[in-house]
Protein backbone atom coordinates (compact mmCIF):
# COMPACT_ATOMS: atom_id res chain seq x y z
CA UNK A 1 58.77 -78.57 -32.12
CA UNK A 2 55.17 -78.11 -31.13
CA UNK A 3 52.68 -78.13 -33.92
CA UNK A 4 50.07 -75.38 -33.53
CA UNK A 5 46.57 -76.61 -33.03
CA UNK A 6 44.54 -76.29 -36.16
CA UNK A 7 41.34 -74.33 -36.00
CA UNK A 8 38.19 -75.92 -37.22
CA UNK A 9 36.64 -74.18 -40.19
CA UNK A 10 32.90 -74.36 -39.89
CA UNK A 11 30.74 -73.93 -42.91
CA UNK A 12 29.73 -70.27 -43.32
CA UNK A 13 26.64 -69.61 -41.24
CA UNK A 14 27.12 -72.77 -39.11
CA UNK A 15 28.11 -72.77 -35.46
CA UNK A 16 31.73 -73.31 -34.37
CA UNK A 17 32.36 -75.88 -31.63
CA UNK A 18 31.31 -74.94 -28.13
CA UNK A 19 33.97 -72.88 -26.42
CA UNK A 20 35.78 -71.92 -29.63
CA UNK A 21 33.89 -68.66 -29.96
CA UNK A 22 34.92 -67.69 -26.43
CA UNK A 23 38.49 -68.93 -26.87
CA UNK A 24 39.24 -66.58 -29.77
CA UNK A 25 37.53 -63.51 -28.41
CA UNK A 26 39.57 -60.68 -26.85
CA UNK A 27 39.56 -60.01 -23.13
CA UNK A 28 36.20 -59.92 -21.41
CA UNK A 29 36.19 -56.16 -21.00
CA UNK A 30 36.55 -55.71 -24.79
CA UNK A 31 33.82 -58.15 -25.80
CA UNK A 32 31.01 -56.34 -27.55
CA UNK A 33 27.52 -57.08 -26.22
CA UNK A 34 26.38 -58.89 -29.37
CA UNK A 35 29.57 -61.02 -29.37
CA UNK A 36 28.99 -61.97 -25.75
CA UNK A 37 25.39 -62.86 -26.55
CA UNK A 38 26.47 -64.99 -29.50
CA UNK A 39 28.86 -66.91 -27.25
CA UNK A 40 26.12 -67.57 -24.72
CA UNK A 41 24.06 -69.03 -27.54
CA UNK A 42 26.46 -71.98 -27.69
CA UNK A 43 25.30 -73.08 -24.25
CA UNK A 44 21.66 -72.73 -25.24
CA UNK A 45 21.85 -74.31 -28.67
CA UNK A 46 23.09 -72.67 -31.84
CA UNK A 47 19.60 -71.95 -33.12
CA UNK A 48 18.97 -69.67 -30.14
CA UNK A 49 20.29 -66.66 -32.10
CA UNK A 50 20.03 -67.16 -35.87
CA UNK A 51 23.06 -65.68 -37.59
CA UNK A 52 21.02 -63.92 -40.32
CA UNK A 53 19.37 -61.74 -37.68
CA UNK A 54 22.77 -60.47 -36.58
CA UNK A 55 23.90 -59.74 -40.12
CA UNK A 56 20.91 -57.72 -41.29
CA UNK A 57 21.39 -54.08 -40.20
CA UNK A 58 22.67 -53.14 -43.66
CA UNK A 59 19.80 -54.92 -45.38
CA UNK A 60 17.31 -53.16 -43.10
CA UNK A 61 18.91 -49.79 -43.85
CA UNK A 62 18.73 -50.52 -47.58
CA UNK A 63 15.05 -51.42 -47.45
CA UNK A 64 14.32 -48.36 -45.31
CA UNK A 65 16.05 -46.13 -47.85
CA UNK A 66 14.12 -47.68 -50.74
CA UNK A 67 10.83 -47.15 -48.91
CA UNK A 68 11.75 -43.53 -48.22
CA UNK A 69 12.43 -42.90 -51.91
CA UNK A 70 9.06 -44.10 -53.22
CA UNK A 71 5.50 -43.03 -52.58
CA UNK A 72 4.20 -46.56 -53.13
CA UNK A 73 5.40 -49.26 -50.73
CA UNK A 74 3.87 -51.84 -53.07
CA UNK A 75 6.21 -50.66 -55.83
CA UNK A 76 9.22 -51.20 -53.56
CA UNK A 77 8.16 -54.73 -52.62
CA UNK A 78 7.39 -55.47 -56.26
CA UNK A 79 11.07 -54.93 -57.09
CA UNK A 80 11.80 -57.87 -54.77
CA UNK A 81 9.23 -60.26 -56.20
CA UNK A 82 9.16 -61.84 -59.71
CA UNK A 83 5.36 -62.06 -59.81
CA UNK A 84 2.70 -59.45 -58.98
CA UNK A 85 2.43 -58.66 -55.27
CA UNK A 86 -1.00 -59.60 -53.93
CA UNK A 87 -2.98 -58.59 -50.87
CA UNK A 88 -4.66 -60.94 -48.42
CA UNK A 89 -7.47 -59.34 -46.48
CA UNK A 90 -7.25 -59.91 -42.72
CA UNK A 91 -10.18 -57.78 -41.72
CA UNK A 92 -12.21 -54.65 -42.26
CA UNK A 93 -12.40 -53.44 -38.67
CA UNK A 94 -10.10 -51.21 -36.69
CA UNK A 95 -9.86 -50.40 -32.98
CA UNK A 96 -11.75 -47.24 -32.06
CA UNK A 97 -8.50 -45.50 -31.13
CA UNK A 98 -6.97 -46.19 -34.56
CA UNK A 99 -10.19 -45.16 -36.29
CA UNK A 100 -10.20 -41.84 -34.43
CA UNK A 101 -6.49 -41.34 -35.09
CA UNK A 102 -7.02 -41.84 -38.83
CA UNK A 103 -10.06 -39.59 -38.98
CA UNK A 104 -8.08 -36.82 -37.28
CA UNK A 105 -5.05 -37.30 -39.55
CA UNK A 106 -7.21 -37.20 -42.68
CA UNK A 107 -9.25 -34.25 -41.40
CA UNK A 108 -12.30 -36.30 -42.30
CA UNK A 109 -15.78 -35.10 -41.37
CA UNK A 110 -17.38 -36.96 -38.49
CA UNK A 111 -20.14 -38.23 -40.77
CA UNK A 112 -17.79 -39.11 -43.65
CA UNK A 113 -17.35 -42.77 -44.59
CA UNK A 114 -13.95 -44.21 -43.59
CA UNK A 115 -13.06 -47.67 -44.88
CA UNK A 116 -10.64 -49.94 -43.04
CA UNK A 117 -8.42 -52.38 -44.91
CA UNK A 118 -6.14 -54.66 -42.88
CA UNK A 119 -4.02 -56.77 -45.22
CA UNK A 120 -0.88 -58.80 -45.73
CA UNK A 121 1.18 -58.10 -48.85
CA UNK A 122 2.40 -61.38 -50.31
CA UNK A 123 5.01 -62.63 -52.75
CA UNK A 124 4.05 -66.17 -53.78
CA UNK A 125 2.31 -66.78 -50.48
CA UNK A 126 5.12 -65.33 -48.36
CA UNK A 127 4.05 -62.39 -46.20
CA UNK A 128 6.42 -59.46 -46.69
CA UNK A 129 4.45 -56.83 -44.82
CA UNK A 130 1.26 -56.11 -42.94
CA UNK A 131 -0.68 -52.90 -43.42
CA UNK A 132 -3.53 -51.04 -41.81
CA UNK A 133 -5.07 -48.74 -44.39
CA UNK A 134 -7.92 -46.44 -43.42
CA UNK A 135 -9.07 -44.49 -46.46
CA UNK A 136 -11.81 -42.20 -47.74
CA UNK A 137 -13.48 -44.05 -50.63
CA UNK A 138 -15.28 -40.92 -51.85
CA UNK A 139 -11.88 -39.44 -52.78
CA UNK A 140 -10.91 -42.41 -54.97
CA UNK A 141 -11.83 -43.00 -58.59
CA UNK A 142 -14.56 -45.55 -59.36
CA UNK A 143 -11.89 -47.78 -60.94
CA UNK A 144 -9.77 -47.72 -57.76
CA UNK A 145 -12.79 -48.57 -55.61
CA UNK A 146 -13.63 -51.50 -57.87
CA UNK A 147 -10.08 -52.87 -57.70
CA UNK A 148 -9.98 -52.56 -53.92
CA UNK A 149 -13.31 -54.34 -53.57
CA UNK A 150 -11.80 -57.67 -54.67
CA UNK A 151 -9.53 -57.67 -51.61
CA UNK A 152 -6.48 -58.91 -53.55
CA UNK A 153 -5.18 -55.71 -55.15
CA UNK A 154 -2.68 -53.66 -53.11
CA UNK A 155 -3.80 -50.10 -52.43
CA UNK A 156 -0.85 -48.50 -54.21
CA UNK A 157 -1.55 -50.44 -57.39
CA UNK A 158 -5.29 -49.76 -57.28
CA UNK A 159 -4.86 -46.01 -56.93
CA UNK A 160 -1.72 -45.76 -59.07
CA UNK A 161 1.56 -44.34 -57.76
CA UNK A 162 1.35 -41.47 -60.22
CA UNK A 163 -1.84 -40.21 -58.59
CA UNK A 164 -0.71 -39.79 -54.97
CA UNK A 165 2.21 -38.76 -52.85
CA UNK A 166 3.25 -39.81 -49.36
CA UNK A 167 3.42 -37.56 -46.32
CA UNK A 168 5.60 -39.47 -43.88
CA UNK A 169 4.74 -39.43 -40.19
CA UNK A 170 6.84 -40.24 -37.15
CA UNK A 171 6.30 -43.54 -35.37
CA UNK A 172 5.35 -43.55 -31.68
CA UNK A 173 8.26 -44.22 -29.33
CA UNK A 174 8.73 -47.77 -28.13
CA UNK A 175 9.87 -51.15 -29.37
CA UNK A 176 8.52 -52.77 -32.52
CA UNK A 177 6.13 -55.72 -32.31
CA UNK A 178 7.74 -59.21 -32.44
CA UNK A 179 9.13 -60.25 -35.86
CA UNK A 180 8.75 -56.70 -37.22
CA UNK A 181 11.91 -54.93 -38.49
CA UNK A 182 10.42 -51.68 -39.87
CA UNK A 183 7.24 -49.75 -39.16
CA UNK A 184 6.18 -46.77 -41.27
CA UNK A 185 3.25 -44.42 -40.83
CA UNK A 186 2.02 -42.03 -43.47
CA UNK A 187 -0.80 -40.09 -45.05
CA UNK A 188 -1.34 -40.56 -48.79
CA UNK A 189 -2.51 -37.41 -50.60
CA UNK A 190 -3.90 -36.86 -54.07
CA UNK A 191 -1.39 -35.22 -56.38
CA UNK A 192 -4.12 -33.27 -58.12
CA UNK A 193 -5.22 -31.21 -55.10
CA UNK A 194 -3.29 -32.45 -52.05
CA UNK A 195 -6.39 -33.80 -50.31
CA UNK A 196 -5.69 -36.77 -48.00
CA UNK A 197 -6.76 -40.19 -49.26
CA UNK A 198 -5.56 -42.67 -46.68
CA UNK A 199 -3.87 -43.14 -43.33
CA UNK A 200 -1.36 -46.00 -43.31
CA UNK A 201 0.52 -48.10 -40.81
CA UNK A 202 2.91 -50.52 -42.56
CA UNK A 203 4.96 -53.20 -40.85
CA UNK A 204 7.69 -55.23 -42.57
CA UNK A 205 9.18 -58.56 -41.51
CA UNK A 206 12.52 -60.19 -42.36
CA UNK A 207 11.14 -61.89 -45.47
CA UNK A 208 11.04 -58.46 -47.14
CA UNK A 209 14.85 -58.25 -46.91
CA UNK A 210 15.56 -61.09 -49.31
CA UNK A 211 14.47 -60.59 -52.93
CA UNK A 212 12.89 -63.62 -54.59
CA UNK A 213 14.67 -63.83 -57.94
CA UNK A 214 13.07 -67.00 -59.30
CA UNK A 215 9.37 -67.91 -59.19
CA UNK A 216 8.92 -70.83 -56.81
CA UNK A 217 12.26 -70.20 -55.08
CA UNK A 218 12.46 -71.02 -51.39
CA UNK A 219 13.18 -68.08 -49.13
CA UNK A 220 15.19 -69.28 -46.14
CA UNK A 221 14.50 -66.09 -44.21
CA UNK A 222 10.73 -66.35 -44.37
CA UNK A 223 8.98 -65.56 -41.12
CA UNK A 224 5.63 -67.38 -41.16
CA UNK A 225 2.69 -65.23 -40.20
CA UNK A 226 1.43 -66.27 -36.79
CA UNK A 227 -2.18 -65.18 -37.13
CA UNK A 228 -3.36 -61.62 -36.68
CA UNK A 229 -0.88 -59.17 -35.28
CA UNK A 230 -1.85 -56.93 -32.41
CA UNK A 231 -3.53 -53.70 -33.40
CA UNK A 232 -1.32 -50.61 -33.67
């Protein structure tokens, strides 16, 4: 009597032995593209396609839904971080094309002052998102302007979610920049009179998918920020 060969049981998230993935897949014509790609990864080294990337569509959909339900993106990220979200200023300049795009979206007068705020939003030093925020300071309260001047307070917290609402805009067609999983564009408007306050472009990376439940905890899905991202 022939004893069936025992299958190796790799630790969840680890790579099975080379060839095993192919051996247990159905016929070639039925192999889904992502399964075929995962098999190829065994010849290139298991780290070629990190498993978490392949298992994140649901997490991305969940984050997208949460962002669509709130006017403040900072408030959504705050639910995933045990300490206050902070901003790190990357710059105060914007490409001319983005500046013109924002001025048109905000219906701002040509001689009106438009402030640019390019920031990372951080949870304990981990970048969760990057944002371009072009806003009209004259339409903010003195308190909000003071808070924004320090460079560390997120826009949504400085203005207060109860004082604005979000008009969502469509994103231009095309692929997302490297390491970015979601990009949102919007105009923030004052609740009191509907006047536009700010034009936003927000980009989220994989670190935003995994809530940090304990201060000081290590996030295995952190994507380190590789310097300034390309302009929108």
